[in-house]
Amino acid sequence: MTNPSPSWESTSVAAVLARRSHEDVTELVGELATLLGGIVPGAQVERTLLRRRIDAVRLPIGDEVYVLRRERGTFQASRQHAVRGVVIRTDPLELDAFLAELGAAVDAEVARNERMRSALRTWIDSMNL
């Protein structure tokens, strides 16, 4: 008996992001901006004025703010700890560690939020996992 292909419910966001991190990072950042920018309350996407290229994505989840910022042609990742909206600490992260933490935080939020669950289902299903 063969196992059926995994459904979106059994696929964690952290696993998808880890797999995608080895692909085109600019494309991944664009997908994160499109997907999470529309469903994470307080998410901010900064773009260049003329070229509409993404310069930064800020995703507040819980007490943490996950930030990807373009610097010198690459994306720099960090996690900021915020208390009452004020950032008190910023920790730079390697991209793989950043995506793992962001994925775990999103997985936890998805468990509590039907709107995020629906949007993630659509995103993961579009990748034919």
N, C-alpha and C. Protein backbone atom coordinates (compact mmCIF):
# COMPACT_ATOMS: atom_id res chain seq x y z
N MET A 1 0.85 -1.17 0.00
CA MET A 1 0.00 0.00 0.00
C MET A 1 0.89 1.24 0.00
N THR A 2 0.63 2.17 -0.87
CA THR A 2 1.44 3.39 -0.92
C THR A 2 0.80 4.46 -0.07
N ASN A 3 1.66 5.33 0.46
CA ASN A 3 1.15 6.44 1.26
C ASN A 3 0.65 7.53 0.33
N PRO A 4 -0.48 8.12 0.64
CA PRO A 4 -0.96 9.22 -0.18
C PRO A 4 -0.02 10.41 -0.05
N SER A 5 -0.04 11.29 -1.04
CA SER A 5 0.80 12.47 -0.94
C SER A 5 0.35 13.30 0.24
N PRO A 6 1.30 13.99 0.89
CA PRO A 6 0.93 14.73 2.09
C PRO A 6 -0.01 15.89 1.75
N SER A 7 -0.97 16.10 2.62
CA SER A 7 -1.90 17.21 2.41
C SER A 7 -1.25 18.47 2.96
N TRP A 8 -1.88 19.61 2.70
CA TRP A 8 -1.31 20.86 3.20
C TRP A 8 -1.33 20.87 4.72
N GLU A 9 -2.29 20.19 5.36
CA GLU A 9 -2.37 20.19 6.82
C GLU A 9 -1.17 19.52 7.47
N SER A 10 -0.58 18.53 6.78
CA SER A 10 0.55 17.82 7.38
C SER A 10 1.89 18.44 6.99
N THR A 11 1.86 19.50 6.22
CA THR A 11 3.08 20.17 5.80
C THR A 11 3.25 21.43 6.61
N SER A 12 4.35 21.53 7.35
CA SER A 12 4.56 22.74 8.14
C SER A 12 5.13 23.84 7.27
N VAL A 13 4.81 25.05 7.63
CA VAL A 13 5.34 26.20 6.92
C VAL A 13 6.86 26.23 7.05
N ALA A 14 7.37 25.86 8.22
CA ALA A 14 8.82 25.84 8.44
C ALA A 14 9.50 24.92 7.43
N ALA A 15 8.91 23.75 7.18
CA ALA A 15 9.50 22.82 6.22
C ALA A 15 9.46 23.37 4.80
N VAL A 16 8.37 23.99 4.44
CA VAL A 16 8.26 24.58 3.10
C VAL A 16 9.28 25.69 2.92
N LEU A 17 9.41 26.56 3.92
CA LEU A 17 10.37 27.67 3.82
C LEU A 17 11.80 27.16 3.78
N ALA A 18 12.11 26.13 4.55
CA ALA A 18 13.46 25.56 4.53
C ALA A 18 13.78 25.00 3.15
N ARG A 19 12.84 24.32 2.56
CA ARG A 19 13.04 23.76 1.22
C ARG A 19 13.21 24.88 0.20
N ARG A 20 12.39 25.90 0.30
CA ARG A 20 12.42 27.00 -0.67
C ARG A 20 13.64 27.89 -0.50
N SER A 21 14.28 27.89 0.67
CA SER A 21 15.42 28.78 0.92
C SER A 21 16.60 28.49 0.01
N HIS A 22 16.62 27.31 -0.57
CA HIS A 22 17.73 26.93 -1.45
C HIS A 22 17.44 27.28 -2.90
N GLU A 23 16.30 27.89 -3.14
CA GLU A 23 15.93 28.34 -4.47
C GLU A 23 16.23 29.84 -4.57
N ASP A 24 15.60 30.52 -5.48
CA ASP A 24 15.80 31.95 -5.68
C ASP A 24 15.25 32.74 -4.50
N VAL A 25 16.13 33.37 -3.73
CA VAL A 25 15.73 34.08 -2.53
C VAL A 25 14.85 35.28 -2.87
N THR A 26 15.15 35.98 -3.95
CA THR A 26 14.33 37.13 -4.33
C THR A 26 12.90 36.70 -4.62
N GLU A 27 12.74 35.57 -5.30
CA GLU A 27 11.40 35.06 -5.58
C GLU A 27 10.70 34.65 -4.28
N LEU A 28 11.43 34.00 -3.38
CA LEU A 28 10.85 33.60 -2.09
C LEU A 28 10.41 34.83 -1.30
N VAL A 29 11.23 35.87 -1.26
CA VAL A 29 10.87 37.09 -0.53
C VAL A 29 9.61 37.71 -1.16
N GLY A 30 9.52 37.69 -2.47
CA GLY A 30 8.32 38.20 -3.13
C GLY A 30 7.08 37.42 -2.73
N GLU A 31 7.21 36.09 -2.67
CA GLU A 31 6.07 35.26 -2.26
C GLU A 31 5.70 35.53 -0.80
N LEU A 32 6.71 35.65 0.08
CA LEU A 32 6.44 35.95 1.48
C LEU A 32 5.72 37.30 1.61
N ALA A 33 6.21 38.29 0.86
CA ALA A 33 5.59 39.61 0.92
C ALA A 33 4.14 39.56 0.46
N THR A 34 3.88 38.83 -0.62
CA THR A 34 2.53 38.72 -1.14
C THR A 34 1.63 37.95 -0.19
N LEU A 35 2.09 36.79 0.24
CA LEU A 35 1.27 35.94 1.09
C LEU A 35 1.09 36.51 2.49
N LEU A 36 2.20 36.66 3.20
CA LEU A 36 2.13 37.06 4.61
C LEU A 36 1.82 38.55 4.77
N GLY A 37 2.23 39.35 3.79
CA GLY A 37 1.94 40.78 3.87
C GLY A 37 0.45 41.07 3.89
N GLY A 38 -0.32 40.19 3.29
CA GLY A 38 -1.77 40.39 3.26
C GLY A 38 -2.53 39.78 4.41
N ILE A 39 -1.90 38.88 5.16
CA ILE A 39 -2.65 38.20 6.21
C ILE A 39 -2.09 38.40 7.62
N VAL A 40 -0.85 38.85 7.75
CA VAL A 40 -0.28 39.09 9.08
C VAL A 40 -0.60 40.53 9.47
N PRO A 41 -1.36 40.71 10.56
CA PRO A 41 -1.70 42.08 10.98
C PRO A 41 -0.42 42.88 11.25
N GLY A 42 -0.35 44.07 10.70
CA GLY A 42 0.80 44.94 10.92
C GLY A 42 1.98 44.68 10.01
N ALA A 43 1.84 43.74 9.07
CA ALA A 43 2.94 43.45 8.14
C ALA A 43 3.22 44.67 7.27
N GLN A 44 4.50 44.88 6.97
CA GLN A 44 4.89 46.00 6.13
C GLN A 44 5.81 45.50 5.03
N VAL A 45 5.56 45.95 3.81
CA VAL A 45 6.40 45.62 2.67
C VAL A 45 6.89 46.93 2.09
N GLU A 46 8.22 47.10 2.05
CA GLU A 46 8.82 48.31 1.47
C GLU A 46 9.33 47.97 0.08
N ARG A 47 8.99 48.83 -0.88
CA ARG A 47 9.42 48.64 -2.26
C ARG A 47 10.14 49.89 -2.75
N THR A 48 10.98 49.71 -3.76
CA THR A 48 11.62 50.87 -4.37
C THR A 48 10.56 51.67 -5.09
N LEU A 49 10.81 52.94 -5.26
CA LEU A 49 9.81 53.81 -5.84
C LEU A 49 9.56 53.50 -7.31
N LEU A 50 10.60 53.38 -8.10
CA LEU A 50 10.41 53.22 -9.54
C LEU A 50 10.36 51.78 -10.00
N ARG A 51 11.20 50.94 -9.46
CA ARG A 51 11.29 49.56 -9.97
C ARG A 51 10.35 48.60 -9.27
N ARG A 52 9.74 49.03 -8.18
CA ARG A 52 8.78 48.20 -7.44
C ARG A 52 9.42 46.94 -6.88
N ARG A 53 10.76 46.94 -6.82
CA ARG A 53 11.48 45.81 -6.22
C ARG A 53 11.29 45.86 -4.71
N ILE A 54 11.18 44.71 -4.09
CA ILE A 54 11.01 44.65 -2.65
C ILE A 54 12.35 44.94 -1.97
N ASP A 55 12.32 45.93 -1.05
CA ASP A 55 13.52 46.27 -0.28
C ASP A 55 13.47 45.69 1.12
N ALA A 56 12.29 45.52 1.68
CA ALA A 56 12.19 44.98 3.04
C ALA A 56 10.80 44.42 3.29
N VAL A 57 10.77 43.42 4.16
CA VAL A 57 9.51 42.85 4.64
C VAL A 57 9.61 42.76 6.16
N ARG A 58 8.61 43.32 6.85
CA ARG A 58 8.55 43.27 8.32
C ARG A 58 7.28 42.53 8.70
N LEU A 59 7.45 41.43 9.44
CA LEU A 59 6.30 40.59 9.81
C LEU A 59 6.23 40.46 11.33
N PRO A 60 5.34 41.21 11.98
CA PRO A 60 5.19 41.08 13.42
C PRO A 60 4.33 39.85 13.77
N ILE A 61 4.91 38.96 14.54
CA ILE A 61 4.18 37.76 14.98
C ILE A 61 4.47 37.60 16.47
N GLY A 62 3.44 37.76 17.28
CA GLY A 62 3.63 37.72 18.73
C GLY A 62 4.47 38.91 19.18
N ASP A 63 5.47 38.65 20.02
CA ASP A 63 6.36 39.70 20.50
C ASP A 63 7.58 39.89 19.60
N GLU A 64 7.63 39.15 18.52
CA GLU A 64 8.78 39.22 17.61
C GLU A 64 8.39 39.87 16.30
N VAL A 65 9.35 40.54 15.68
CA VAL A 65 9.16 41.10 14.35
C VAL A 65 10.26 40.49 13.49
N TYR A 66 9.86 39.78 12.45
CA TYR A 66 10.81 39.13 11.54
C TYR A 66 11.03 40.08 10.36
N VAL A 67 12.30 40.40 10.10
CA VAL A 67 12.63 41.41 9.09
C VAL A 67 13.61 40.83 8.07
N LEU A 68 13.27 40.99 6.80
CA LEU A 68 14.18 40.71 5.69
C LEU A 68 14.40 42.04 4.99
N ARG A 69 15.66 42.46 4.90
CA ARG A 69 15.99 43.76 4.29
C ARG A 69 17.08 43.57 3.26
N ARG A 70 16.86 44.16 2.07
CA ARG A 70 17.86 44.09 1.00
C ARG A 70 18.99 45.07 1.34
N GLU A 71 20.20 44.54 1.38
CA GLU A 71 21.39 45.36 1.62
C GLU A 71 22.50 44.87 0.71
N ARG A 72 23.02 45.77 -0.09
CA ARG A 72 24.10 45.45 -1.01
C ARG A 72 23.81 44.24 -1.89
N GLY A 73 22.59 44.17 -2.40
CA GLY A 73 22.22 43.12 -3.35
C GLY A 73 21.79 41.79 -2.75
N THR A 74 21.88 41.64 -1.44
CA THR A 74 21.42 40.40 -0.80
C THR A 74 20.41 40.76 0.30
N PHE A 75 19.72 39.76 0.80
CA PHE A 75 18.78 40.00 1.88
C PHE A 75 19.42 39.65 3.22
N GLN A 76 19.30 40.57 4.16
CA GLN A 76 19.77 40.37 5.52
C GLN A 76 18.55 40.07 6.39
N ALA A 77 18.66 39.05 7.21
CA ALA A 77 17.54 38.62 8.05
C ALA A 77 17.80 38.96 9.51
N SER A 78 16.75 39.33 10.21
CA SER A 78 16.88 39.58 11.65
C SER A 78 15.54 39.33 12.33
N ARG A 79 15.66 39.14 13.63
CA ARG A 79 14.48 39.01 14.49
C ARG A 79 14.58 40.12 15.51
N GLN A 80 13.52 40.90 15.64
CA GLN A 80 13.48 41.99 16.60
C GLN A 80 12.51 41.63 17.71
N HIS A 81 12.91 41.88 18.94
CA HIS A 81 12.00 41.66 20.07
C HIS A 81 11.39 43.02 20.41
N ALA A 82 10.06 43.06 20.40
CA ALA A 82 9.35 44.32 20.65
C ALA A 82 8.51 44.20 21.91
N VAL A 83 8.51 45.27 22.68
CA VAL A 83 7.66 45.37 23.86
C VAL A 83 6.81 46.62 23.69
N ARG A 84 5.49 46.43 23.66
CA ARG A 84 4.53 47.53 23.45
C ARG A 84 4.90 48.37 22.23
N GLY A 85 5.30 47.69 21.16
CA GLY A 85 5.58 48.36 19.91
C GLY A 85 6.97 48.97 19.80
N VAL A 86 7.79 48.86 20.84
CA VAL A 86 9.15 49.42 20.82
C VAL A 86 10.15 48.26 20.71
N VAL A 87 11.01 48.32 19.69
CA VAL A 87 12.03 47.28 19.51
C VAL A 87 13.12 47.48 20.56
N ILE A 88 13.33 46.44 21.39
CA ILE A 88 14.35 46.54 22.42
C ILE A 88 15.59 45.72 22.11
N ARG A 89 15.49 44.81 21.13
CA ARG A 89 16.66 44.00 20.76
C ARG A 89 16.49 43.52 19.32
N THR A 90 17.58 43.54 18.58
CA THR A 90 17.61 43.03 17.22
C THR A 90 18.69 41.97 17.12
N ASP A 91 18.31 40.78 16.68
CA ASP A 91 19.26 39.67 16.52
C ASP A 91 19.38 39.33 15.05
N PRO A 92 20.58 39.52 14.46
CA PRO A 92 20.76 39.09 13.07
C PRO A 92 20.72 37.57 12.99
N LEU A 93 20.19 37.05 11.90
CA LEU A 93 20.07 35.60 11.72
C LEU A 93 20.54 35.21 10.33
N GLU A 94 21.07 34.00 10.22
CA GLU A 94 21.33 33.43 8.90
C GLU A 94 19.98 33.16 8.26
N LEU A 95 19.92 33.17 6.94
CA LEU A 95 18.65 33.02 6.25
C LEU A 95 17.94 31.72 6.61
N ASP A 96 18.66 30.60 6.67
CA ASP A 96 18.02 29.33 7.00
C ASP A 96 17.42 29.35 8.40
N ALA A 97 18.15 29.91 9.37
CA ALA A 97 17.65 30.00 10.74
C ALA A 97 16.44 30.94 10.80
N PHE A 98 16.52 32.04 10.07
CA PHE A 98 15.41 32.99 10.00
C PHE A 98 14.15 32.32 9.48
N LEU A 99 14.29 31.61 8.36
CA LEU A 99 13.13 30.96 7.76
C LEU A 99 12.56 29.87 8.66
N ALA A 100 13.44 29.15 9.38
CA ALA A 100 12.97 28.12 10.32
C ALA A 100 12.16 28.77 11.44
N GLU A 101 12.69 29.85 12.02
CA GLU A 101 11.97 30.54 13.10
C GLU A 101 10.67 31.16 12.61
N LEU A 102 10.72 31.83 11.45
CA LEU A 102 9.52 32.43 10.89
C LEU A 102 8.48 31.35 10.60
N GLY A 103 8.91 30.24 10.03
CA GLY A 103 7.99 29.16 9.73
C GLY A 103 7.32 28.60 10.98
N ALA A 104 8.11 28.42 12.05
CA ALA A 104 7.56 27.92 13.31
C ALA A 104 6.57 28.92 13.90
N ALA A 105 6.89 30.21 13.83
CA ALA A 105 5.99 31.24 14.36
C ALA A 105 4.69 31.28 13.55
N VAL A 106 4.81 31.17 12.24
CA VAL A 106 3.61 31.17 11.39
C VAL A 106 2.79 29.90 11.65
N ASP A 107 3.47 28.75 11.80
CA ASP A 107 2.75 27.51 12.12
C ASP A 107 1.92 27.68 13.39
N ALA A 108 2.49 28.32 14.42
CA ALA A 108 1.77 28.53 15.67
C ALA A 108 0.57 29.46 15.46
N GLU A 109 0.75 30.50 14.67
CA GLU A 109 -0.35 31.43 14.39
C GLU A 109 -1.44 30.76 13.57
N VAL A 110 -1.05 29.92 12.62
CA VAL A 110 -2.01 29.23 11.76
C VAL A 110 -2.94 28.36 12.59
N ALA A 111 -2.40 27.78 13.65
CA ALA A 111 -3.22 26.93 14.52
C ALA A 111 -4.34 27.74 15.19
N ARG A 112 -4.15 29.07 15.30
CA ARG A 112 -5.14 29.92 15.97
C ARG A 112 -5.97 30.77 15.02
N ASN A 113 -5.61 30.83 13.73
CA ASN A 113 -6.22 31.82 12.86
C ASN A 113 -6.70 31.17 11.56
N GLU A 114 -8.00 31.12 11.35
CA GLU A 114 -8.59 30.48 10.16
C GLU A 114 -8.22 31.21 8.87
N ARG A 115 -8.14 32.53 8.89
CA ARG A 115 -7.79 33.28 7.69
C ARG A 115 -6.38 32.92 7.22
N MET A 116 -5.43 32.82 8.15
CA MET A 116 -4.07 32.42 7.79
C MET A 116 -4.06 30.99 7.29
N ARG A 117 -4.83 30.13 7.91
CA ARG A 117 -4.89 28.72 7.51
C ARG A 117 -5.36 28.60 6.06
N SER A 118 -6.37 29.35 5.70
CA SER A 118 -6.90 29.30 4.34
C SER A 118 -5.88 29.82 3.33
N ALA A 119 -5.23 30.94 3.64
CA ALA A 119 -4.24 31.51 2.72
C ALA A 119 -3.04 30.57 2.56
N LEU A 120 -2.60 29.97 3.64
CA LEU A 120 -1.47 29.04 3.56
C LEU A 120 -1.84 27.78 2.80
N ARG A 121 -3.06 27.32 2.97
CA ARG A 121 -3.52 26.15 2.22
C ARG A 121 -3.39 26.42 0.72
N THR A 122 -3.84 27.58 0.29
CA THR A 122 -3.77 27.95 -1.12
C THR A 122 -2.33 28.02 -1.60
N TRP A 123 -1.45 28.64 -0.80
CA TRP A 123 -0.03 28.79 -1.17
C TRP A 123 0.65 27.44 -1.28
N ILE A 124 0.48 26.59 -0.26
CA ILE A 124 1.14 25.28 -0.25
C ILE A 124 0.58 24.41 -1.36
N ASP A 125 -0.74 24.42 -1.57
CA ASP A 125 -1.32 23.62 -2.66
C ASP A 125 -0.80 24.07 -4.02
N SER A 126 -0.50 25.37 -4.17
CA SER A 126 0.00 25.87 -5.46
C SER A 126 1.41 25.36 -5.77
N MET A 127 2.11 24.87 -4.74
CA MET A 127 3.47 24.36 -4.94
C MET A 127 3.47 22.87 -5.27
N ASN A 128 2.29 22.25 -5.31
CA ASN A 128 2.16 20.83 -5.64
C ASN A 128 3.02 19.96 -4.72
N LEU A 129 2.89 20.14 -3.43
CA LEU A 129 3.65 19.33 -2.47
C LEU A 129 3.05 17.96 -2.31
